[in-house]
Amino acid sequence: MSFSSKLFRMSVLSAFLVLMSFSATYAQDGEVSFTVYNKTNSRITRLLVAEPGKKTWSYFDIGKGIAPGGSMVLAWDKSAYNEDCVQWIKAVYADKSQSPAVKFDFCEDDLELEFTE
């Protein structure tokens, strides 16, 4: 293999890696995220979401939950990027009770959700 052939292959590989780094950065910067505040006296154990007109609820993975007085930044999973920005959301508490469902536009910049008693 000649030196110019190796140089060409290295150039193509370098260009590919640069393009991949730009696309990875764009995916992180374009992420749809929001902050949830728990202003109740009960741990939020699950956040349920549903598109308007749909009867099935999906959920956000919030690990062990959001403690009373706590907050958490959440992001849409990439699999949900094709869904509408406007969604219903409700909290499920440690005692299995649920908050009323409220409609939000999750594509809104700096969206903050507060769950209160």
N, C-alpha and C. Protein backbone atom coordinates (compact mmCIF):
# COMPACT_ATOMS: atom_id res chain seq x y z
N MET A 1 0.85 -1.16 0.00
CA MET A 1 0.00 0.00 0.00
C MET A 1 0.90 1.23 0.00
N SER A 2 0.57 2.16 -0.84
CA SER A 2 1.41 3.35 -0.97
C SER A 2 1.13 4.34 0.15
N PHE A 3 2.07 5.26 0.33
CA PHE A 3 1.94 6.29 1.37
C PHE A 3 0.73 7.16 1.12
N SER A 4 0.46 7.54 -0.15
CA SER A 4 -0.68 8.41 -0.46
C SER A 4 -2.00 7.70 -0.19
N SER A 5 -2.05 6.40 -0.40
CA SER A 5 -3.26 5.63 -0.11
C SER A 5 -3.53 5.61 1.40
N LYS A 6 -2.47 5.41 2.18
CA LYS A 6 -2.62 5.42 3.63
C LYS A 6 -3.06 6.80 4.11
N LEU A 7 -2.47 7.85 3.55
CA LEU A 7 -2.81 9.21 3.93
C LEU A 7 -4.27 9.50 3.62
N PHE A 8 -4.73 9.04 2.44
CA PHE A 8 -6.12 9.24 2.05
C PHE A 8 -7.07 8.55 3.04
N ARG A 9 -6.77 7.31 3.39
CA ARG A 9 -7.61 6.56 4.33
C ARG A 9 -7.63 7.24 5.70
N MET A 10 -6.49 7.73 6.15
CA MET A 10 -6.44 8.43 7.44
C MET A 10 -7.25 9.72 7.39
N SER A 11 -7.22 10.40 6.26
CA SER A 11 -8.00 11.64 6.10
C SER A 11 -9.50 11.35 6.16
N VAL A 12 -9.91 10.30 5.46
CA VAL A 12 -11.33 9.92 5.47
C VAL A 12 -11.76 9.52 6.88
N LEU A 13 -10.94 8.73 7.56
CA LEU A 13 -11.26 8.31 8.92
C LEU A 13 -11.34 9.52 9.85
N SER A 14 -10.41 10.44 9.72
CA SER A 14 -10.43 11.65 10.56
C SER A 14 -11.68 12.46 10.31
N ALA A 15 -12.04 12.64 9.06
CA ALA A 15 -13.25 13.40 8.73
C ALA A 15 -14.50 12.72 9.30
N PHE A 16 -14.54 11.40 9.21
CA PHE A 16 -15.67 10.64 9.76
C PHE A 16 -15.78 10.85 11.27
N LEU A 17 -14.66 10.76 11.96
CA LEU A 17 -14.67 10.93 13.42
C LEU A 17 -15.10 12.34 13.81
N VAL A 18 -14.66 13.34 13.07
CA VAL A 18 -15.07 14.72 13.36
C VAL A 18 -16.58 14.87 13.17
N LEU A 19 -17.11 14.34 12.06
CA LEU A 19 -18.55 14.41 11.83
C LEU A 19 -19.34 13.68 12.91
N MET A 20 -18.86 12.54 13.36
CA MET A 20 -19.55 11.79 14.41
C MET A 20 -19.54 12.57 15.72
N SER A 21 -18.48 13.28 16.01
CA SER A 21 -18.44 14.05 17.26
C SER A 21 -19.42 15.21 17.19
N PHE A 22 -19.59 15.84 16.00
CA PHE A 22 -20.58 16.91 15.87
C PHE A 22 -21.98 16.37 16.07
N SER A 23 -22.30 15.21 15.50
CA SER A 23 -23.65 14.66 15.65
C SER A 23 -23.91 14.26 17.09
N ALA A 24 -22.93 13.73 17.81
CA ALA A 24 -23.12 13.38 19.22
C ALA A 24 -23.36 14.62 20.06
N THR A 25 -22.62 15.70 19.77
CA THR A 25 -22.81 16.95 20.50
C THR A 25 -24.19 17.51 20.21
N TYR A 26 -24.63 17.47 18.97
CA TYR A 26 -25.95 17.98 18.62
C TYR A 26 -27.04 17.22 19.36
N ALA A 27 -26.93 15.91 19.45
CA ALA A 27 -27.94 15.09 20.13
C ALA A 27 -28.04 15.49 21.60
N GLN A 28 -26.90 15.76 22.24
CA GLN A 28 -26.94 16.15 23.64
C GLN A 28 -27.52 17.54 23.80
N ASP A 29 -27.10 18.48 22.93
CA ASP A 29 -27.59 19.85 23.04
C ASP A 29 -29.07 19.95 22.68
N GLY A 30 -29.55 19.12 21.75
CA GLY A 30 -30.93 19.17 21.32
C GLY A 30 -31.86 18.36 22.21
N GLU A 31 -31.36 17.84 23.31
CA GLU A 31 -32.14 17.00 24.21
C GLU A 31 -33.28 17.81 24.83
N VAL A 32 -34.44 17.19 24.91
CA VAL A 32 -35.60 17.82 25.53
C VAL A 32 -35.59 17.44 27.01
N SER A 33 -35.34 18.42 27.87
CA SER A 33 -35.29 18.13 29.30
C SER A 33 -36.14 19.14 30.07
N PHE A 34 -36.45 18.79 31.30
CA PHE A 34 -37.27 19.64 32.16
C PHE A 34 -36.96 19.29 33.61
N THR A 35 -37.37 20.17 34.52
CA THR A 35 -37.13 19.97 35.94
C THR A 35 -38.45 19.71 36.65
N VAL A 36 -38.45 18.73 37.54
CA VAL A 36 -39.63 18.39 38.34
C VAL A 36 -39.32 18.71 39.80
N TYR A 37 -40.21 19.47 40.43
CA TYR A 37 -40.08 19.81 41.85
C TYR A 37 -41.19 19.10 42.63
N ASN A 38 -40.81 18.43 43.70
CA ASN A 38 -41.78 17.77 44.57
C ASN A 38 -41.99 18.65 45.79
N LYS A 39 -43.09 19.39 45.81
CA LYS A 39 -43.38 20.28 46.93
C LYS A 39 -44.49 19.70 47.81
N THR A 40 -44.54 18.36 47.85
CA THR A 40 -45.52 17.67 48.69
C THR A 40 -44.79 17.07 49.89
N ASN A 41 -45.54 16.39 50.73
CA ASN A 41 -44.97 15.71 51.89
C ASN A 41 -44.76 14.22 51.63
N SER A 42 -44.92 13.80 50.38
CA SER A 42 -44.80 12.38 50.03
C SER A 42 -43.83 12.19 48.87
N ARG A 43 -43.09 11.11 48.88
CA ARG A 43 -42.15 10.79 47.80
C ARG A 43 -42.92 10.52 46.51
N ILE A 44 -42.45 11.11 45.40
CA ILE A 44 -42.99 10.77 44.09
C ILE A 44 -42.24 9.53 43.62
N THR A 45 -42.97 8.47 43.35
CA THR A 45 -42.35 7.21 42.95
C THR A 45 -42.40 6.97 41.45
N ARG A 46 -43.28 7.69 40.76
CA ARG A 46 -43.41 7.49 39.33
C ARG A 46 -44.05 8.73 38.70
N LEU A 47 -43.62 9.07 37.50
CA LEU A 47 -44.25 10.13 36.71
C LEU A 47 -44.82 9.49 35.46
N LEU A 48 -46.12 9.64 35.28
CA LEU A 48 -46.81 9.05 34.13
C LEU A 48 -47.12 10.13 33.10
N VAL A 49 -46.97 9.80 31.81
CA VAL A 49 -47.27 10.73 30.73
C VAL A 49 -48.10 10.04 29.66
N ALA A 50 -48.95 10.84 29.01
CA ALA A 50 -49.77 10.32 27.91
C ALA A 50 -50.04 11.45 26.93
N GLU A 51 -50.05 11.11 25.66
CA GLU A 51 -50.42 12.07 24.64
C GLU A 51 -51.92 12.32 24.73
N PRO A 52 -52.36 13.55 24.45
CA PRO A 52 -53.79 13.83 24.45
C PRO A 52 -54.53 12.87 23.52
N GLY A 53 -55.66 12.37 23.99
CA GLY A 53 -56.47 11.45 23.20
C GLY A 53 -56.06 9.99 23.31
N LYS A 54 -54.95 9.71 23.99
CA LYS A 54 -54.53 8.31 24.15
C LYS A 54 -54.86 7.85 25.56
N LYS A 55 -55.20 6.59 25.67
CA LYS A 55 -55.61 6.06 26.97
C LYS A 55 -54.48 5.33 27.70
N THR A 56 -53.36 5.13 27.03
CA THR A 56 -52.24 4.43 27.66
C THR A 56 -51.23 5.43 28.20
N TRP A 57 -50.71 5.12 29.38
CA TRP A 57 -49.73 5.98 30.04
C TRP A 57 -48.35 5.34 29.95
N SER A 58 -47.36 6.16 29.68
CA SER A 58 -45.96 5.75 29.75
C SER A 58 -45.39 6.36 31.01
N TYR A 59 -44.14 6.06 31.32
CA TYR A 59 -43.58 6.64 32.54
C TYR A 59 -42.12 7.03 32.34
N PHE A 60 -41.67 7.96 33.16
CA PHE A 60 -40.27 8.35 33.22
C PHE A 60 -39.59 7.50 34.28
N ASP A 61 -38.38 7.09 34.00
CA ASP A 61 -37.58 6.36 34.99
C ASP A 61 -37.01 7.39 35.96
N ILE A 62 -37.51 7.38 37.19
CA ILE A 62 -37.01 8.32 38.19
C ILE A 62 -36.32 7.58 39.34
N GLY A 63 -35.83 6.39 39.04
CA GLY A 63 -35.08 5.64 40.04
C GLY A 63 -35.88 5.42 41.30
N LYS A 64 -35.31 5.82 42.44
CA LYS A 64 -35.98 5.64 43.73
C LYS A 64 -36.99 6.74 44.01
N GLY A 65 -37.16 7.65 43.07
CA GLY A 65 -38.17 8.68 43.21
C GLY A 65 -37.61 10.04 43.55
N ILE A 66 -38.54 10.97 43.80
CA ILE A 66 -38.19 12.34 44.15
C ILE A 66 -38.70 12.59 45.56
N ALA A 67 -37.79 12.82 46.48
CA ALA A 67 -38.14 13.02 47.89
C ALA A 67 -38.93 14.31 48.07
N PRO A 68 -39.72 14.39 49.15
CA PRO A 68 -40.41 15.64 49.45
C PRO A 68 -39.41 16.79 49.53
N GLY A 69 -39.74 17.89 48.86
CA GLY A 69 -38.85 19.04 48.84
C GLY A 69 -37.73 18.92 47.83
N GLY A 70 -37.62 17.79 47.15
CA GLY A 70 -36.53 17.56 46.20
C GLY A 70 -36.91 17.92 44.78
N SER A 71 -35.95 17.80 43.90
CA SER A 71 -36.18 18.05 42.48
C SER A 71 -35.33 17.09 41.67
N MET A 72 -35.65 17.01 40.37
CA MET A 72 -34.91 16.13 39.47
C MET A 72 -35.03 16.68 38.06
N VAL A 73 -33.93 16.66 37.32
CA VAL A 73 -33.95 17.02 35.90
C VAL A 73 -34.15 15.74 35.11
N LEU A 74 -35.15 15.75 34.24
CA LEU A 74 -35.46 14.58 33.42
C LEU A 74 -35.36 14.94 31.95
N ALA A 75 -35.15 13.96 31.12
CA ALA A 75 -35.07 14.17 29.67
C ALA A 75 -35.91 13.12 28.97
N TRP A 76 -36.46 13.52 27.81
CA TRP A 76 -37.20 12.58 26.99
C TRP A 76 -36.25 11.50 26.49
N ASP A 77 -36.70 10.28 26.51
CA ASP A 77 -35.97 9.18 25.89
C ASP A 77 -36.04 9.39 24.37
N LYS A 78 -35.00 9.03 23.68
CA LYS A 78 -34.96 9.22 22.22
C LYS A 78 -36.12 8.52 21.53
N SER A 79 -36.62 7.43 22.11
CA SER A 79 -37.74 6.71 21.48
C SER A 79 -39.02 7.53 21.49
N ALA A 80 -39.08 8.58 22.33
CA ALA A 80 -40.28 9.41 22.42
C ALA A 80 -40.18 10.68 21.57
N TYR A 81 -39.07 10.88 20.85
CA TYR A 81 -38.87 12.10 20.08
C TYR A 81 -39.91 12.29 18.99
N ASN A 82 -40.57 11.22 18.55
CA ASN A 82 -41.57 11.36 17.51
C ASN A 82 -42.96 11.63 18.07
N GLU A 83 -43.07 11.75 19.38
CA GLU A 83 -44.37 12.04 20.00
C GLU A 83 -44.61 13.54 20.03
N ASP A 84 -45.86 13.92 20.27
CA ASP A 84 -46.22 15.33 20.39
C ASP A 84 -45.54 15.97 21.58
N CYS A 85 -45.28 17.26 21.48
CA CYS A 85 -44.69 17.99 22.61
C CYS A 85 -45.70 18.13 23.75
N VAL A 86 -46.96 18.28 23.40
CA VAL A 86 -48.00 18.45 24.42
C VAL A 86 -48.39 17.09 24.96
N GLN A 87 -48.28 16.94 26.28
CA GLN A 87 -48.54 15.67 26.94
C GLN A 87 -49.27 15.93 28.26
N TRP A 88 -50.00 14.94 28.71
CA TRP A 88 -50.55 14.94 30.06
C TRP A 88 -49.51 14.31 30.97
N ILE A 89 -49.38 14.80 32.19
CA ILE A 89 -48.46 14.22 33.16
C ILE A 89 -49.13 14.18 34.52
N LYS A 90 -48.83 13.13 35.28
CA LYS A 90 -49.31 13.04 36.66
C LYS A 90 -48.28 12.28 37.49
N ALA A 91 -48.28 12.55 38.78
CA ALA A 91 -47.35 11.90 39.70
C ALA A 91 -48.05 10.78 40.44
N VAL A 92 -47.29 9.73 40.73
CA VAL A 92 -47.76 8.66 41.60
C VAL A 92 -46.90 8.75 42.86
N TYR A 93 -47.56 8.77 44.02
CA TYR A 93 -46.87 8.95 45.29
C TYR A 93 -46.63 7.60 45.98
N ALA A 94 -45.81 7.63 47.02
CA ALA A 94 -45.44 6.42 47.76
C ALA A 94 -46.66 5.65 48.27
N ASP A 95 -47.74 6.36 48.62
CA ASP A 95 -48.94 5.69 49.12
C ASP A 95 -49.87 5.22 47.99
N LYS A 96 -49.38 5.29 46.74
CA LYS A 96 -50.10 4.86 45.52
C LYS A 96 -51.15 5.86 45.07
N SER A 97 -51.34 6.97 45.77
CA SER A 97 -52.27 8.00 45.30
C SER A 97 -51.64 8.70 44.10
N GLN A 98 -52.48 9.39 43.32
CA GLN A 98 -52.00 10.08 42.13
C GLN A 98 -52.44 11.53 42.13
N SER A 99 -51.61 12.37 41.56
CA SER A 99 -51.99 13.77 41.37
C SER A 99 -52.95 13.85 40.20
N PRO A 100 -53.70 14.94 40.10
CA PRO A 100 -54.51 15.11 38.89
C PRO A 100 -53.58 15.25 37.67
N ALA A 101 -54.03 14.79 36.52
CA ALA A 101 -53.25 14.94 35.29
C ALA A 101 -53.33 16.39 34.82
N VAL A 102 -52.19 16.91 34.38
CA VAL A 102 -52.10 18.29 33.89
C VAL A 102 -51.40 18.27 32.54
N LYS A 103 -51.86 19.11 31.62
CA LYS A 103 -51.29 19.16 30.28
C LYS A 103 -50.14 20.17 30.23
N PHE A 104 -48.99 19.74 29.64
CA PHE A 104 -47.81 20.60 29.49
C PHE A 104 -47.25 20.47 28.09
N ASP A 105 -46.54 21.50 27.66
CA ASP A 105 -45.78 21.47 26.41
C ASP A 105 -44.33 21.19 26.79
N PHE A 106 -43.88 19.96 26.60
CA PHE A 106 -42.55 19.55 27.01
C PHE A 106 -41.44 20.10 26.12
N CYS A 107 -41.79 20.72 25.00
CA CYS A 107 -40.77 21.33 24.15
C CYS A 107 -40.48 22.78 24.57
N GLU A 108 -41.21 23.26 25.54
CA GLU A 108 -40.99 24.62 26.05
C GLU A 108 -39.60 24.71 26.68
N ASP A 109 -38.90 25.79 26.41
CA ASP A 109 -37.57 25.99 27.00
C ASP A 109 -37.68 26.18 28.51
N ASP A 110 -36.75 25.61 29.24
CA ASP A 110 -36.65 25.76 30.69
C ASP A 110 -37.95 25.39 31.42
N LEU A 111 -38.60 24.34 30.96
CA LEU A 111 -39.85 23.89 31.58
C LEU A 111 -39.60 23.40 33.00
N GLU A 112 -40.41 23.86 33.93
CA GLU A 112 -40.35 23.41 35.32
C GLU A 112 -41.75 22.97 35.73
N LEU A 113 -41.83 21.77 36.30
CA LEU A 113 -43.10 21.23 36.79
C LEU A 113 -43.05 21.17 38.29
N GLU A 114 -44.12 21.63 38.94
CA GLU A 114 -44.21 21.56 40.40
C GLU A 114 -45.41 20.71 40.78
N PHE A 115 -45.16 19.76 41.64
CA PHE A 115 -46.25 18.97 42.22
C PHE A 115 -46.42 19.45 43.65
N THR A 116 -47.62 19.93 43.94
CA THR A 116 -47.95 20.47 45.27
C THR A 116 -49.15 19.72 45.82
N GLU A 117 -49.39 19.90 47.09
CA GLU A 117 -50.54 19.20 47.70
C GLU A 117 -51.83 19.89 47.37
